[in-house]
Amino acid sequence: MAQDPAAELAEQIKGKSDEDIQTAIDARGVDATLEEIFKGMETAFDAEKAASTQAVVQYDIDSAGDTKTWTVNIDNGTIATSAGAADNP
């Protein structure tokens, strides 16, 4: 049975310094890392618990002097993540 994405991430960074984590992100690429994190949110999403929830959350993530923006849309039990700013966060 596959581990859940949150548990996998926790295992990957366990005991690592901030510098070690940043080095690994830089090697993999910031955009690829963020895409994996946000797609992991979709995988871990519990539609039943969000059945009557509507929300738009915008993340502005600073990375090496650049800001990466991602949006999470939750709409009555569905989730969609995307790179870029929300229309109405």
N, C-alpha and C. Protein backbone atom coordinates (compact mmCIF):
# COMPACT_ATOMS: atom_id res chain seq x y z
N MET A 1 0.84 -1.17 0.00
CA MET A 1 0.00 0.00 0.00
C MET A 1 0.89 1.24 0.00
N ALA A 2 0.59 2.21 -0.84
CA ALA A 2 1.39 3.42 -0.96
C ALA A 2 1.13 4.34 0.22
N GLN A 3 2.18 5.03 0.64
CA GLN A 3 2.05 6.03 1.69
C GLN A 3 1.32 7.24 1.17
N ASP A 4 0.71 7.98 2.08
CA ASP A 4 0.06 9.21 1.63
C ASP A 4 1.12 10.27 1.37
N PRO A 5 0.83 11.26 0.52
CA PRO A 5 1.83 12.27 0.15
C PRO A 5 2.40 13.03 1.33
N ALA A 6 1.58 13.36 2.33
CA ALA A 6 2.07 14.09 3.49
C ALA A 6 3.09 13.26 4.26
N ALA A 7 2.82 11.98 4.42
CA ALA A 7 3.75 11.10 5.13
C ALA A 7 5.05 10.95 4.35
N GLU A 8 4.95 10.86 3.03
CA GLU A 8 6.15 10.75 2.19
C GLU A 8 7.01 12.00 2.32
N LEU A 9 6.38 13.17 2.26
CA LEU A 9 7.13 14.42 2.40
C LEU A 9 7.77 14.50 3.77
N ALA A 10 7.03 14.17 4.82
CA ALA A 10 7.57 14.19 6.17
C ALA A 10 8.80 13.31 6.29
N GLU A 11 8.74 12.14 5.68
CA GLU A 11 9.88 11.21 5.73
C GLU A 11 11.08 11.77 4.97
N GLN A 12 10.83 12.43 3.84
CA GLN A 12 11.91 12.98 3.03
C GLN A 12 12.65 14.11 3.74
N ILE A 13 11.97 14.89 4.55
CA ILE A 13 12.62 16.05 5.17
C ILE A 13 12.99 15.81 6.63
N LYS A 14 12.61 14.66 7.17
CA LYS A 14 12.90 14.34 8.56
C LYS A 14 14.40 14.43 8.84
N GLY A 15 14.75 15.23 9.85
CA GLY A 15 16.14 15.34 10.27
C GLY A 15 17.01 16.20 9.37
N LYS A 16 16.44 16.79 8.34
CA LYS A 16 17.21 17.62 7.40
C LYS A 16 17.22 19.08 7.87
N SER A 17 18.30 19.75 7.64
CA SER A 17 18.38 21.18 7.94
C SER A 17 17.66 21.97 6.86
N ASP A 18 17.34 23.22 7.16
CA ASP A 18 16.73 24.08 6.14
C ASP A 18 17.62 24.17 4.90
N GLU A 19 18.91 24.23 5.13
CA GLU A 19 19.85 24.32 4.01
C GLU A 19 19.80 23.05 3.15
N ASP A 20 19.74 21.89 3.78
CA ASP A 20 19.64 20.62 3.04
C ASP A 20 18.36 20.57 2.22
N ILE A 21 17.26 21.01 2.82
CA ILE A 21 15.97 21.01 2.12
C ILE A 21 16.02 21.96 0.94
N GLN A 22 16.58 23.16 1.14
CA GLN A 22 16.67 24.13 0.04
C GLN A 22 17.55 23.60 -1.09
N THR A 23 18.64 22.93 -0.76
CA THR A 23 19.52 22.35 -1.77
C THR A 23 18.78 21.30 -2.59
N ALA A 24 17.99 20.47 -1.93
CA ALA A 24 17.22 19.44 -2.64
C ALA A 24 16.16 20.07 -3.55
N ILE A 25 15.51 21.12 -3.06
CA ILE A 25 14.50 21.82 -3.88
C ILE A 25 15.17 22.46 -5.09
N ASP A 26 16.31 23.10 -4.87
CA ASP A 26 17.03 23.73 -5.98
C ASP A 26 17.44 22.70 -7.03
N ALA A 27 17.87 21.53 -6.58
CA ALA A 27 18.30 20.49 -7.51
C ALA A 27 17.12 19.96 -8.33
N ARG A 28 15.97 19.82 -7.70
CA ARG A 28 14.79 19.30 -8.38
C ARG A 28 14.09 20.37 -9.19
N GLY A 29 14.20 21.61 -8.73
CA GLY A 29 13.51 22.73 -9.36
C GLY A 29 12.35 23.18 -8.49
N VAL A 30 12.28 24.47 -8.24
CA VAL A 30 11.23 25.03 -7.39
C VAL A 30 9.86 24.76 -8.00
N ASP A 31 9.70 25.01 -9.29
CA ASP A 31 8.39 24.82 -9.93
C ASP A 31 7.93 23.36 -9.84
N ALA A 32 8.82 22.43 -10.11
CA ALA A 32 8.46 21.01 -10.03
C ALA A 32 8.11 20.61 -8.61
N THR A 33 8.84 21.15 -7.64
CA THR A 33 8.56 20.84 -6.23
C THR A 33 7.21 21.37 -5.82
N LEU A 34 6.92 22.62 -6.19
CA LEU A 34 5.62 23.20 -5.84
C LEU A 34 4.48 22.44 -6.52
N GLU A 35 4.67 22.06 -7.77
CA GLU A 35 3.63 21.29 -8.46
C GLU A 35 3.34 19.99 -7.72
N GLU A 36 4.39 19.31 -7.28
CA GLU A 36 4.21 18.06 -6.54
C GLU A 36 3.47 18.30 -5.22
N ILE A 37 3.81 19.37 -4.53
CA ILE A 37 3.14 19.68 -3.26
C ILE A 37 1.67 19.96 -3.48
N PHE A 38 1.33 20.78 -4.46
CA PHE A 38 -0.07 21.14 -4.68
C PHE A 38 -0.88 19.98 -5.26
N LYS A 39 -0.28 19.16 -6.09
CA LYS A 39 -0.98 17.97 -6.58
C LYS A 39 -1.18 16.98 -5.42
N GLY A 40 -0.24 16.97 -4.48
CA GLY A 40 -0.40 16.15 -3.29
C GLY A 40 -1.58 16.60 -2.45
N MET A 41 -1.83 17.91 -2.42
CA MET A 41 -3.02 18.42 -1.73
C MET A 41 -4.28 17.84 -2.36
N GLU A 42 -4.31 17.77 -3.67
CA GLU A 42 -5.48 17.20 -4.36
C GLU A 42 -5.65 15.73 -3.98
N THR A 43 -4.55 15.01 -3.93
CA THR A 43 -4.60 13.58 -3.60
C THR A 43 -5.09 13.36 -2.17
N ALA A 44 -4.65 14.20 -1.25
CA ALA A 44 -5.00 14.05 0.16
C ALA A 44 -6.36 14.64 0.51
N PHE A 45 -6.97 15.35 -0.41
CA PHE A 45 -8.23 16.04 -0.16
C PHE A 45 -9.34 15.06 0.20
N ASP A 46 -10.10 15.39 1.23
CA ASP A 46 -11.23 14.57 1.67
C ASP A 46 -12.52 15.26 1.23
N ALA A 47 -13.07 14.83 0.10
CA ALA A 47 -14.24 15.47 -0.48
C ALA A 47 -15.44 15.45 0.47
N GLU A 48 -15.59 14.38 1.20
CA GLU A 48 -16.74 14.27 2.12
C GLU A 48 -16.70 15.37 3.19
N LYS A 49 -15.51 15.65 3.71
CA LYS A 49 -15.39 16.68 4.74
C LYS A 49 -15.58 18.09 4.20
N ALA A 50 -15.42 18.25 2.90
CA ALA A 50 -15.56 19.58 2.29
C ALA A 50 -16.82 19.68 1.44
N ALA A 51 -17.78 18.83 1.71
CA ALA A 51 -18.98 18.75 0.87
C ALA A 51 -19.73 20.07 0.76
N SER A 52 -19.72 20.87 1.80
CA SER A 52 -20.46 22.14 1.76
C SER A 52 -19.54 23.35 1.88
N THR A 53 -18.29 23.17 1.48
CA THR A 53 -17.30 24.24 1.60
C THR A 53 -17.01 24.88 0.25
N GLN A 54 -16.96 26.20 0.26
CA GLN A 54 -16.51 26.95 -0.91
C GLN A 54 -15.43 27.90 -0.44
N ALA A 55 -14.25 27.78 -1.03
CA ALA A 55 -13.13 28.62 -0.62
C ALA A 55 -12.13 28.74 -1.76
N VAL A 56 -11.47 29.88 -1.80
CA VAL A 56 -10.36 30.09 -2.71
C VAL A 56 -9.20 30.57 -1.85
N VAL A 57 -8.08 29.84 -1.92
CA VAL A 57 -6.90 30.19 -1.13
C VAL A 57 -5.75 30.44 -2.10
N GLN A 58 -5.13 31.59 -1.94
CA GLN A 58 -3.98 31.93 -2.78
C GLN A 58 -2.72 31.88 -1.93
N TYR A 59 -1.72 31.14 -2.39
CA TYR A 59 -0.43 31.04 -1.73
C TYR A 59 0.58 31.86 -2.53
N ASP A 60 1.26 32.78 -1.86
CA ASP A 60 2.36 33.53 -2.46
C ASP A 60 3.63 33.06 -1.75
N ILE A 61 4.46 32.32 -2.47
CA ILE A 61 5.60 31.62 -1.89
C ILE A 61 6.88 32.29 -2.36
N ASP A 62 7.64 32.81 -1.39
CA ASP A 62 8.92 33.45 -1.72
C ASP A 62 9.98 32.38 -1.92
N SER A 63 10.72 32.53 -3.01
CA SER A 63 11.78 31.57 -3.32
C SER A 63 12.91 32.30 -4.04
N ALA A 64 14.02 32.44 -3.33
CA ALA A 64 15.23 33.05 -3.91
C ALA A 64 14.93 34.39 -4.56
N GLY A 65 14.17 35.24 -3.86
CA GLY A 65 13.89 36.57 -4.37
C GLY A 65 12.77 36.64 -5.39
N ASP A 66 12.15 35.52 -5.66
CA ASP A 66 11.04 35.45 -6.61
C ASP A 66 9.80 34.96 -5.87
N THR A 67 8.64 35.40 -6.29
CA THR A 67 7.41 34.93 -5.67
C THR A 67 6.68 34.00 -6.63
N LYS A 68 6.38 32.81 -6.14
CA LYS A 68 5.61 31.81 -6.89
C LYS A 68 4.20 31.83 -6.31
N THR A 69 3.20 31.96 -7.16
CA THR A 69 1.81 32.03 -6.70
C THR A 69 1.05 30.80 -7.16
N TRP A 70 0.33 30.20 -6.22
CA TRP A 70 -0.52 29.04 -6.49
C TRP A 70 -1.88 29.28 -5.88
N THR A 71 -2.90 28.69 -6.48
CA THR A 71 -4.27 28.84 -6.01
C THR A 71 -4.89 27.47 -5.76
N VAL A 72 -5.65 27.39 -4.67
CA VAL A 72 -6.43 26.20 -4.35
C VAL A 72 -7.90 26.62 -4.33
N ASN A 73 -8.71 25.96 -5.15
CA ASN A 73 -10.15 26.20 -5.20
C ASN A 73 -10.87 24.99 -4.63
N ILE A 74 -11.68 25.22 -3.62
CA ILE A 74 -12.51 24.17 -3.04
C ILE A 74 -13.95 24.57 -3.29
N ASP A 75 -14.70 23.66 -3.90
CA ASP A 75 -16.08 23.98 -4.26
C ASP A 75 -16.98 22.77 -4.04
N ASN A 76 -17.63 22.76 -2.89
CA ASN A 76 -18.63 21.73 -2.56
C ASN A 76 -18.11 20.31 -2.81
N GLY A 77 -16.99 20.00 -2.20
CA GLY A 77 -16.47 18.64 -2.29
C GLY A 77 -15.51 18.37 -3.42
N THR A 78 -15.15 19.41 -4.16
CA THR A 78 -14.14 19.24 -5.21
C THR A 78 -12.96 20.17 -4.91
N ILE A 79 -11.82 19.83 -5.45
CA ILE A 79 -10.63 20.65 -5.28
C ILE A 79 -9.91 20.76 -6.61
N ALA A 80 -9.36 21.93 -6.86
CA ALA A 80 -8.50 22.13 -8.02
C ALA A 80 -7.36 23.04 -7.59
N THR A 81 -6.15 22.68 -7.95
CA THR A 81 -4.99 23.52 -7.68
C THR A 81 -4.40 23.98 -9.00
N SER A 82 -3.83 25.17 -8.99
CA SER A 82 -3.22 25.67 -10.23
C SER A 82 -2.15 26.71 -9.90
N ALA A 83 -1.17 26.77 -10.76
CA ALA A 83 -0.17 27.82 -10.64
C ALA A 83 -0.81 29.12 -11.08
N GLY A 84 -0.49 30.20 -10.38
CA GLY A 84 -1.01 31.50 -10.74
C GLY A 84 -1.95 32.06 -9.70
N ALA A 85 -2.27 33.32 -9.88
CA ALA A 85 -3.09 34.04 -8.92
C ALA A 85 -4.57 33.69 -9.08
N ALA A 86 -5.28 33.80 -7.98
CA ALA A 86 -6.73 33.61 -7.99
C ALA A 86 -7.41 34.85 -8.52
N ASP A 87 -8.55 34.66 -9.16
CA ASP A 87 -9.34 35.81 -9.61
C ASP A 87 -9.86 36.62 -8.43
N ASN A 88 -10.25 35.90 -7.35
CA ASN A 88 -10.84 36.57 -6.21
C ASN A 88 -10.50 35.80 -4.93
N PRO A 89 -9.23 35.96 -4.44
CA PRO A 89 -8.82 35.18 -3.27
C PRO A 89 -9.54 35.65 -2.00
